[in-house]
Amino acid sequence: MRITINRDACIGAGQCALTAPGVFTQDDDGFSEVLPGREDGGGDPLLREAARSCPVSAISVAED
Protein backbone atom coordinates (compact mmCIF):
# COMPACT_ATOMS: atom_id res chain seq x y z
CA MET A 1 0.00 0.00 0.00
CA ARG A 2 0.99 3.58 -0.50
CA ILE A 3 -0.24 6.37 1.76
CA THR A 4 -0.29 9.94 0.47
CA ILE A 5 -1.12 13.02 2.52
CA ASN A 6 -1.98 16.17 0.61
CA ARG A 7 -0.15 18.70 2.81
CA ASP A 8 -1.89 21.60 1.05
CA ALA A 9 -5.31 20.23 1.99
CA CYS A 10 -4.51 19.01 5.52
CA ILE A 11 -6.01 21.23 8.22
CA GLY A 12 -4.51 19.38 11.18
CA ALA A 13 -7.77 17.98 12.54
CA GLY A 14 -5.86 14.95 13.80
CA GLN A 15 -8.57 12.39 13.12
CA CYS A 16 -6.07 10.13 11.34
CA ALA A 17 -3.69 10.08 14.32
CA LEU A 18 -6.58 9.39 16.69
CA THR A 19 -7.96 6.59 14.52
CA ALA A 20 -4.67 4.89 13.55
CA PRO A 21 -1.95 6.07 15.95
CA GLY A 22 0.30 3.26 14.78
CA VAL A 23 0.48 4.82 11.31
CA PHE A 24 -0.12 8.57 11.65
CA THR A 25 1.17 11.34 13.86
CA GLN A 26 1.12 15.13 13.75
CA ASP A 27 4.16 17.30 13.17
CA ASP A 28 5.13 20.30 15.29
CA ASP A 29 2.67 22.46 13.34
CA GLY A 30 -0.18 19.99 13.88
CA PHE A 31 -0.29 18.62 10.34
CA SER A 32 -0.51 14.91 9.62
CA GLU A 33 2.47 12.74 8.84
CA VAL A 34 3.03 9.04 8.37
CA LEU A 35 5.23 7.58 11.08
CA PRO A 36 8.72 6.57 9.91
CA GLY A 37 8.73 2.97 8.75
CA ARG A 38 4.94 2.87 8.39
CA GLU A 39 4.76 4.24 4.84
CA ASP A 40 3.04 1.03 3.75
CA GLY A 41 0.52 1.16 6.60
CA GLY A 42 2.16 -1.73 8.40
CA GLY A 43 -0.95 -3.85 7.96
CA ASP A 44 -2.89 -1.62 10.36
CA PRO A 45 -6.57 -2.60 10.11
CA LEU A 46 -7.63 1.00 10.83
CA LEU A 47 -5.63 2.58 8.01
CA ARG A 48 -8.53 2.97 5.58
CA GLU A 49 -10.86 4.12 8.36
CA ALA A 50 -8.30 6.79 9.30
CA ALA A 51 -8.19 8.00 5.69
CA ARG A 52 -12.01 8.14 5.58
CA SER A 53 -12.09 10.07 8.87
CA CYS A 54 -10.15 13.00 7.40
CA PRO A 55 -12.65 15.87 7.17
CA VAL A 56 -10.96 17.32 4.08
CA SER A 57 -10.05 14.01 2.37
CA ALA A 58 -6.34 14.84 2.48
CA ILE A 59 -5.30 11.18 2.83
CA SER A 60 -5.31 8.66 0.04
CA VAL A 61 -4.45 4.98 0.26
CA ALA A 62 -3.54 3.09 -2.89
CA GLU A 63 -2.61 -0.52 -3.51
CA ASP A 64 0.87 -0.99 -4.94
PDB file of N, CA and C in Angstrom:
ATOM      1  N   MET A   1       0.831  -1.187   0.000  1.00  0.00           N
ATOM      2  CA  MET A   1       0.000   0.000   0.000  1.00  0.00           C
ATOM      3  C   MET A   1       0.869   1.241   0.000  1.00  0.00           C
ATOM      4  N   ARG A   2       0.291   2.292  -0.487  1.00  0.00           N
ATOM      5  CA  ARG A   2       0.989   3.576  -0.496  1.00  0.00           C
ATOM      6  C   ARG A   2       0.054   4.623   0.098  1.00  0.00           C
ATOM      7  N   ILE A   3       0.537   5.334   1.090  1.00  0.00           N
ATOM      8  CA  ILE A   3      -0.239   6.373   1.763  1.00  0.00           C
ATOM      9  C   ILE A   3       0.269   7.726   1.293  1.00  0.00           C
ATOM     10  N   THR A   4      -0.654   8.591   0.890  1.00  0.00           N
ATOM     11  CA  THR A   4      -0.295   9.938   0.466  1.00  0.00           C
ATOM     12  C   THR A   4      -1.110  10.929   1.280  1.00  0.00           C
ATOM     13  N   ILE A   5      -0.433  11.940   1.804  1.00  0.00           N
ATOM     14  CA  ILE A   5      -1.117  13.015   2.521  1.00  0.00           C
ATOM     15  C   ILE A   5      -0.932  14.294   1.717  1.00  0.00           C
ATOM     16  N   ASN A   6      -2.028  14.901   1.324  1.00  0.00           N
ATOM     17  CA  ASN A   6      -1.982  16.172   0.615  1.00  0.00           C
ATOM     18  C   ASN A   6      -1.759  17.269   1.657  1.00  0.00           C
ATOM     19  N   ARG A   7      -0.521  17.720   1.775  1.00  0.00           N
ATOM     20  CA  ARG A   7      -0.150  18.700   2.805  1.00  0.00           C
ATOM     21  C   ARG A   7      -0.820  20.059   2.563  1.00  0.00           C
ATOM     22  N   ASP A   8      -1.197  20.338   1.326  1.00  0.00           N
ATOM     23  CA  ASP A   8      -1.886  21.595   1.046  1.00  0.00           C
ATOM     24  C   ASP A   8      -3.334  21.551   1.531  1.00  0.00           C
ATOM     25  N   ALA A   9      -3.921  20.371   1.562  1.00  0.00           N
ATOM     26  CA  ALA A   9      -5.315  20.228   1.987  1.00  0.00           C
ATOM     27  C   ALA A   9      -5.449  19.982   3.487  1.00  0.00           C
ATOM     28  N   CYS A  10      -4.440  19.377   4.099  1.00  0.00           N
ATOM     29  CA  CYS A  10      -4.507  19.012   5.520  1.00  0.00           C
ATOM     30  C   CYS A  10      -4.746  20.252   6.383  1.00  0.00           C
ATOM     31  N   ILE A  11      -5.721  20.125   7.305  1.00  0.00           N
ATOM     32  CA  ILE A  11      -6.014  21.233   8.216  1.00  0.00           C
ATOM     33  C   ILE A  11      -5.593  20.917   9.648  1.00  0.00           C
ATOM     34  N   GLY A  12      -4.999  19.741   9.856  1.00  0.00           N
ATOM     35  CA  GLY A  12      -4.509  19.377  11.181  1.00  0.00           C
ATOM     36  C   GLY A  12      -5.592  18.961  12.152  1.00  0.00           C
ATOM     37  N   ALA A  13      -6.688  18.408  11.656  1.00  0.00           N
ATOM     38  CA  ALA A  13      -7.772  17.979  12.544  1.00  0.00           C
ATOM     39  C   ALA A  13      -7.340  16.822  13.445  1.00  0.00           C
ATOM     40  N   GLY A  14      -6.406  16.020  12.985  1.00  0.00           N
ATOM     41  CA  GLY A  14      -5.856  14.947  13.805  1.00  0.00           C
ATOM     42  C   GLY A  14      -6.680  13.675  13.874  1.00  0.00           C
ATOM     43  N   GLN A  15      -7.723  13.582  13.083  1.00  0.00           N
ATOM     44  CA  GLN A  15      -8.567  12.386  13.120  1.00  0.00           C
ATOM     45  C   GLN A  15      -7.795  11.138  12.696  1.00  0.00           C
ATOM     46  N   CYS A  16      -6.859  11.286  11.782  1.00  0.00           N
ATOM     47  CA  CYS A  16      -6.074  10.131  11.336  1.00  0.00           C
ATOM     48  C   CYS A  16      -5.212   9.593  12.480  1.00  0.00           C
ATOM     49  N   ALA A  17      -4.558  10.493  13.209  1.00  0.00           N
ATOM     50  CA  ALA A  17      -3.695  10.082  14.318  1.00  0.00           C
ATOM     51  C   ALA A  17      -4.514   9.487  15.465  1.00  0.00           C
ATOM     52  N   LEU A  18      -5.715   9.960  15.663  1.00  0.00           N
ATOM     53  CA  LEU A  18      -6.583   9.393  16.693  1.00  0.00           C
ATOM     54  C   LEU A  18      -7.102   8.017  16.293  1.00  0.00           C
ATOM     55  N   THR A  19      -7.394   7.845  15.011  1.00  0.00           N
ATOM     56  CA  THR A  19      -7.961   6.590  14.517  1.00  0.00           C
ATOM     57  C   THR A  19      -6.902   5.509  14.339  1.00  0.00           C
ATOM     58  N   ALA A  20      -5.747   5.864  13.801  1.00  0.00           N
ATOM     59  CA  ALA A  20      -4.673   4.891  13.546  1.00  0.00           C
ATOM     60  C   ALA A  20      -3.342   5.444  14.061  1.00  0.00           C
ATOM     61  N   PRO A  21      -3.181   5.499  15.377  1.00  0.00           N
ATOM     62  CA  PRO A  21      -1.952   6.075  15.947  1.00  0.00           C
ATOM     63  C   PRO A  21      -0.694   5.271  15.647  1.00  0.00           C
ATOM     64  N   GLY A  22      -0.854   4.057  15.163  1.00  0.00           N
ATOM     65  CA  GLY A  22       0.296   3.261  14.777  1.00  0.00           C
ATOM     66  C   GLY A  22       0.815   3.588  13.393  1.00  0.00           C
ATOM     67  N   VAL A  23       0.090   4.449  12.671  1.00  0.00           N
ATOM     68  CA  VAL A  23       0.477   4.818  11.305  1.00  0.00           C
ATOM     69  C   VAL A  23       0.701   6.321  11.186  1.00  0.00           C
ATOM     70  N   PHE A  24      -0.168   7.115  11.814  1.00  0.00           N
ATOM     71  CA  PHE A  24      -0.120   8.567  11.655  1.00  0.00           C
ATOM     72  C   PHE A  24       0.275   9.279  12.939  1.00  0.00           C
ATOM     73  N   THR A  25       0.876  10.434  12.763  1.00  0.00           N
ATOM     74  CA  THR A  25       1.175  11.341  13.858  1.00  0.00           C
ATOM     75  C   THR A  25       0.957  12.753  13.339  1.00  0.00           C
ATOM     76  N   GLN A  26       1.197  13.733  14.184  1.00  0.00           N
ATOM     77  CA  GLN A  26       1.123  15.126  13.750  1.00  0.00           C
ATOM     78  C   GLN A  26       2.469  15.782  13.990  1.00  0.00           C
ATOM     79  N   ASP A  27       2.878  16.616  13.039  1.00  0.00           N
ATOM     80  CA  ASP A  27       4.160  17.299  13.169  1.00  0.00           C
ATOM     81  C   ASP A  27       4.046  18.456  14.160  1.00  0.00           C
ATOM     82  N   ASP A  28       5.115  19.202  14.321  1.00  0.00           N
ATOM     83  CA  ASP A  28       5.132  20.304  15.288  1.00  0.00           C
ATOM     84  C   ASP A  28       4.104  21.388  14.988  1.00  0.00           C
ATOM     85  N   ASP A  29       3.681  21.478  13.734  1.00  0.00           N
ATOM     86  CA  ASP A  29       2.671  22.461  13.343  1.00  0.00           C
ATOM     87  C   ASP A  29       1.257  21.889  13.388  1.00  0.00           C
ATOM     88  N   GLY A  30       1.133  20.618  13.759  1.00  0.00           N
ATOM     89  CA  GLY A  30      -0.178  19.994  13.880  1.00  0.00           C
ATOM     90  C   GLY A  30      -0.680  19.303  12.628  1.00  0.00           C
ATOM     91  N   PHE A  31       0.134  19.257  11.584  1.00  0.00           N
ATOM     92  CA  PHE A  31      -0.290  18.618  10.342  1.00  0.00           C
ATOM     93  C   PHE A  31       0.083  17.136  10.337  1.00  0.00           C
ATOM     94  N   SER A  32      -0.687  16.362   9.629  1.00  0.00           N
ATOM     95  CA  SER A  32      -0.511  14.913   9.624  1.00  0.00           C
ATOM     96  C   SER A  32       0.748  14.476   8.913  1.00  0.00           C
ATOM     97  N   GLU A  33       1.324  13.391   9.441  1.00  0.00           N
ATOM     98  CA  GLU A  33       2.473  12.737   8.836  1.00  0.00           C
ATOM     99  C   GLU A  33       2.315  11.243   9.051  1.00  0.00           C
ATOM    100  N   VAL A  34       2.948  10.482   8.178  1.00  0.00           N
ATOM    101  CA  VAL A  34       3.026   9.044   8.365  1.00  0.00           C
ATOM    102  C   VAL A  34       4.258   8.783   9.228  1.00  0.00           C
ATOM    103  N   LEU A  35       4.104   7.911  10.215  1.00  0.00           N
ATOM    104  CA  LEU A  35       5.230   7.582  11.078  1.00  0.00           C
ATOM    105  C   LEU A  35       6.347   6.925  10.274  1.00  0.00           C
ATOM    106  N   PRO A  36       7.595   7.206  10.611  1.00  0.00           N
ATOM    107  CA  PRO A  36       8.717   6.570   9.908  1.00  0.00           C
ATOM    108  C   PRO A  36       8.596   5.050   9.975  1.00  0.00           C
ATOM    109  N   GLY A  37       8.813   4.412   8.832  1.00  0.00           N
ATOM    110  CA  GLY A  37       8.735   2.971   8.753  1.00  0.00           C
ATOM    111  C   GLY A  37       7.327   2.427   8.571  1.00  0.00           C
ATOM    112  N   ARG A  38       6.335   3.304   8.547  1.00  0.00           N
ATOM    113  CA  ARG A  38       4.945   2.873   8.394  1.00  0.00           C
ATOM    114  C   ARG A  38       4.343   3.359   7.078  1.00  0.00           C
ATOM    115  N   GLU A  39       5.202   3.702   6.127  1.00  0.00           N
ATOM    116  CA  GLU A  39       4.756   4.243   4.844  1.00  0.00           C
ATOM    117  C   GLU A  39       3.832   3.300   4.082  1.00  0.00           C
ATOM    118  N   ASP A  40       3.908   2.001   4.405  1.00  0.00           N
ATOM    119  CA  ASP A  40       3.035   1.031   3.749  1.00  0.00           C
ATOM    120  C   ASP A  40       1.815   0.696   4.605  1.00  0.00           C
ATOM    121  N   GLY A  41       1.653   1.388   5.708  1.00  0.00           N
ATOM    122  CA  GLY A  41       0.517   1.163   6.596  1.00  0.00           C
ATOM    123  C   GLY A  41       0.758   0.089   7.625  1.00  0.00           C
ATOM    124  N   GLY A  42       1.803  -0.710   7.426  1.00  0.00           N
ATOM    125  CA  GLY A  42       2.159  -1.728   8.397  1.00  0.00           C
ATOM    126  C   GLY A  42       1.059  -2.737   8.680  1.00  0.00           C
ATOM    127  N   GLY A  43       0.133  -2.902   7.758  1.00  0.00           N
ATOM    128  CA  GLY A  43      -0.951  -3.851   7.963  1.00  0.00           C
ATOM    129  C   GLY A  43      -1.984  -3.404   8.986  1.00  0.00           C
ATOM    130  N   ASP A  44      -1.946  -2.126   9.356  1.00  0.00           N
ATOM    131  CA  ASP A  44      -2.888  -1.623  10.362  1.00  0.00           C
ATOM    132  C   ASP A  44      -4.319  -1.739   9.841  1.00  0.00           C
ATOM    133  N   PRO A  45      -5.187  -2.425  10.569  1.00  0.00           N
ATOM    134  CA  PRO A  45      -6.566  -2.599  10.106  1.00  0.00           C
ATOM    135  C   PRO A  45      -7.378  -1.304  10.097  1.00  0.00           C
ATOM    136  N   LEU A  46      -6.901  -0.278  10.769  1.00  0.00           N
ATOM    137  CA  LEU A  46      -7.629   0.996  10.829  1.00  0.00           C
ATOM    138  C   LEU A  46      -7.133   2.024   9.824  1.00  0.00           C
ATOM    139  N   LEU A  47      -6.197   1.632   8.975  1.00  0.00           N
ATOM    140  CA  LEU A  47      -5.625   2.576   8.005  1.00  0.00           C
ATOM    141  C   LEU A  47      -6.692   3.219   7.117  1.00  0.00           C
ATOM    142  N   ARG A  48      -7.513   2.419   6.494  1.00  0.00           N
ATOM    143  CA  ARG A  48      -8.533   2.969   5.585  1.00  0.00           C
ATOM    144  C   ARG A  48      -9.575   3.789   6.349  1.00  0.00           C
ATOM    145  N   GLU A  49      -9.911   3.354   7.541  1.00  0.00           N
ATOM    146  CA  GLU A  49     -10.856   4.117   8.364  1.00  0.00           C
ATOM    147  C   GLU A  49     -10.263   5.483   8.712  1.00  0.00           C
ATOM    148  N   ALA A  50      -8.965   5.522   8.997  1.00  0.00           N
ATOM    149  CA  ALA A  50      -8.297   6.786   9.299  1.00  0.00           C
ATOM    150  C   ALA A  50      -8.349   7.720   8.093  1.00  0.00           C
ATOM    151  N   ALA A  51      -8.126   7.180   6.901  1.00  0.00           N
ATOM    152  CA  ALA A  51      -8.193   8.000   5.686  1.00  0.00           C
ATOM    153  C   ALA A  51      -9.606   8.539   5.490  1.00  0.00           C
ATOM    154  N   ARG A  52     -10.612   7.693   5.726  1.00  0.00           N
ATOM    155  CA  ARG A  52     -12.008   8.140   5.584  1.00  0.00           C
ATOM    156  C   ARG A  52     -12.387   9.171   6.640  1.00  0.00           C
ATOM    157  N   SER A  53     -11.728   9.138   7.788  1.00  0.00           N
ATOM    158  CA  SER A  53     -12.086  10.067   8.867  1.00  0.00           C
ATOM    159  C   SER A  53     -11.575  11.485   8.640  1.00  0.00           C
ATOM    160  N   CYS A  54     -10.687  11.668   7.674  1.00  0.00           N
ATOM    161  CA  CYS A  54     -10.147  12.998   7.395  1.00  0.00           C
ATOM    162  C   CYS A  54     -11.272  13.912   6.880  1.00  0.00           C
ATOM    163  N   PRO A  55     -11.536  15.012   7.574  1.00  0.00           N
ATOM    164  CA  PRO A  55     -12.651  15.872   7.171  1.00  0.00           C
ATOM    165  C   PRO A  55     -12.443  16.590   5.841  1.00  0.00           C
ATOM    166  N   VAL A  56     -11.210  16.652   5.358  1.00  0.00           N
ATOM    167  CA  VAL A  56     -10.955  17.319   4.080  1.00  0.00           C
ATOM    168  C   VAL A  56     -10.419  16.348   3.022  1.00  0.00           C
ATOM    169  N   SER A  57     -10.497  15.055   3.301  1.00  0.00           N
ATOM    170  CA  SER A  57     -10.053  14.014   2.374  1.00  0.00           C
ATOM    171  C   SER A  57      -8.614  14.223   1.898  1.00  0.00           C
ATOM    172  N   ALA A  58      -7.738  14.566   2.827  1.00  0.00           N
ATOM    173  CA  ALA A  58      -6.345  14.838   2.483  1.00  0.00           C
ATOM    174  C   ALA A  58      -5.500  13.567   2.400  1.00  0.00           C
ATOM    175  N   ILE A  59      -6.053  12.433   2.808  1.00  0.00           N
ATOM    176  CA  ILE A  59      -5.299  11.180   2.828  1.00  0.00           C
ATOM    177  C   ILE A  59      -5.832  10.248   1.765  1.00  0.00           C
ATOM    178  N   SER A  60      -4.917   9.686   0.993  1.00  0.00           N
ATOM    179  CA  SER A  60      -5.311   8.657   0.037  1.00  0.00           C
ATOM    180  C   SER A  60      -4.471   7.413   0.298  1.00  0.00           C
ATOM    181  N   VAL A  61      -5.116   6.275   0.085  1.00  0.00           N
ATOM    182  CA  VAL A  61      -4.451   4.982   0.264  1.00  0.00           C
ATOM    183  C   VAL A  61      -4.624   4.225  -1.046  1.00  0.00           C
ATOM    184  N   ALA A  62      -3.507   3.803  -1.614  1.00  0.00           N
ATOM    185  CA  ALA A  62      -3.544   3.089  -2.890  1.00  0.00           C
ATOM    186  C   ALA A  62      -2.809   1.767  -2.756  1.00  0.00           C
ATOM    187  N   GLU A  63      -3.301   0.773  -3.455  1.00  0.00           N
ATOM    188  CA  GLU A  63      -2.612  -0.519  -3.509  1.00  0.00           C
ATOM    189  C   GLU A  63      -1.428  -0.381  -4.444  1.00  0.00           C
ATOM    190  N   ASP A  64      -0.319  -1.005  -4.068  1.00  0.00           N
ATOM    191  CA  ASP A  64       0.873  -0.987  -4.943  1.00  0.00           C
ATOM    192  C   ASP A  64       0.719  -1.934  -6.083  1.00  0.00           C
TER     193      ASP A  64
END
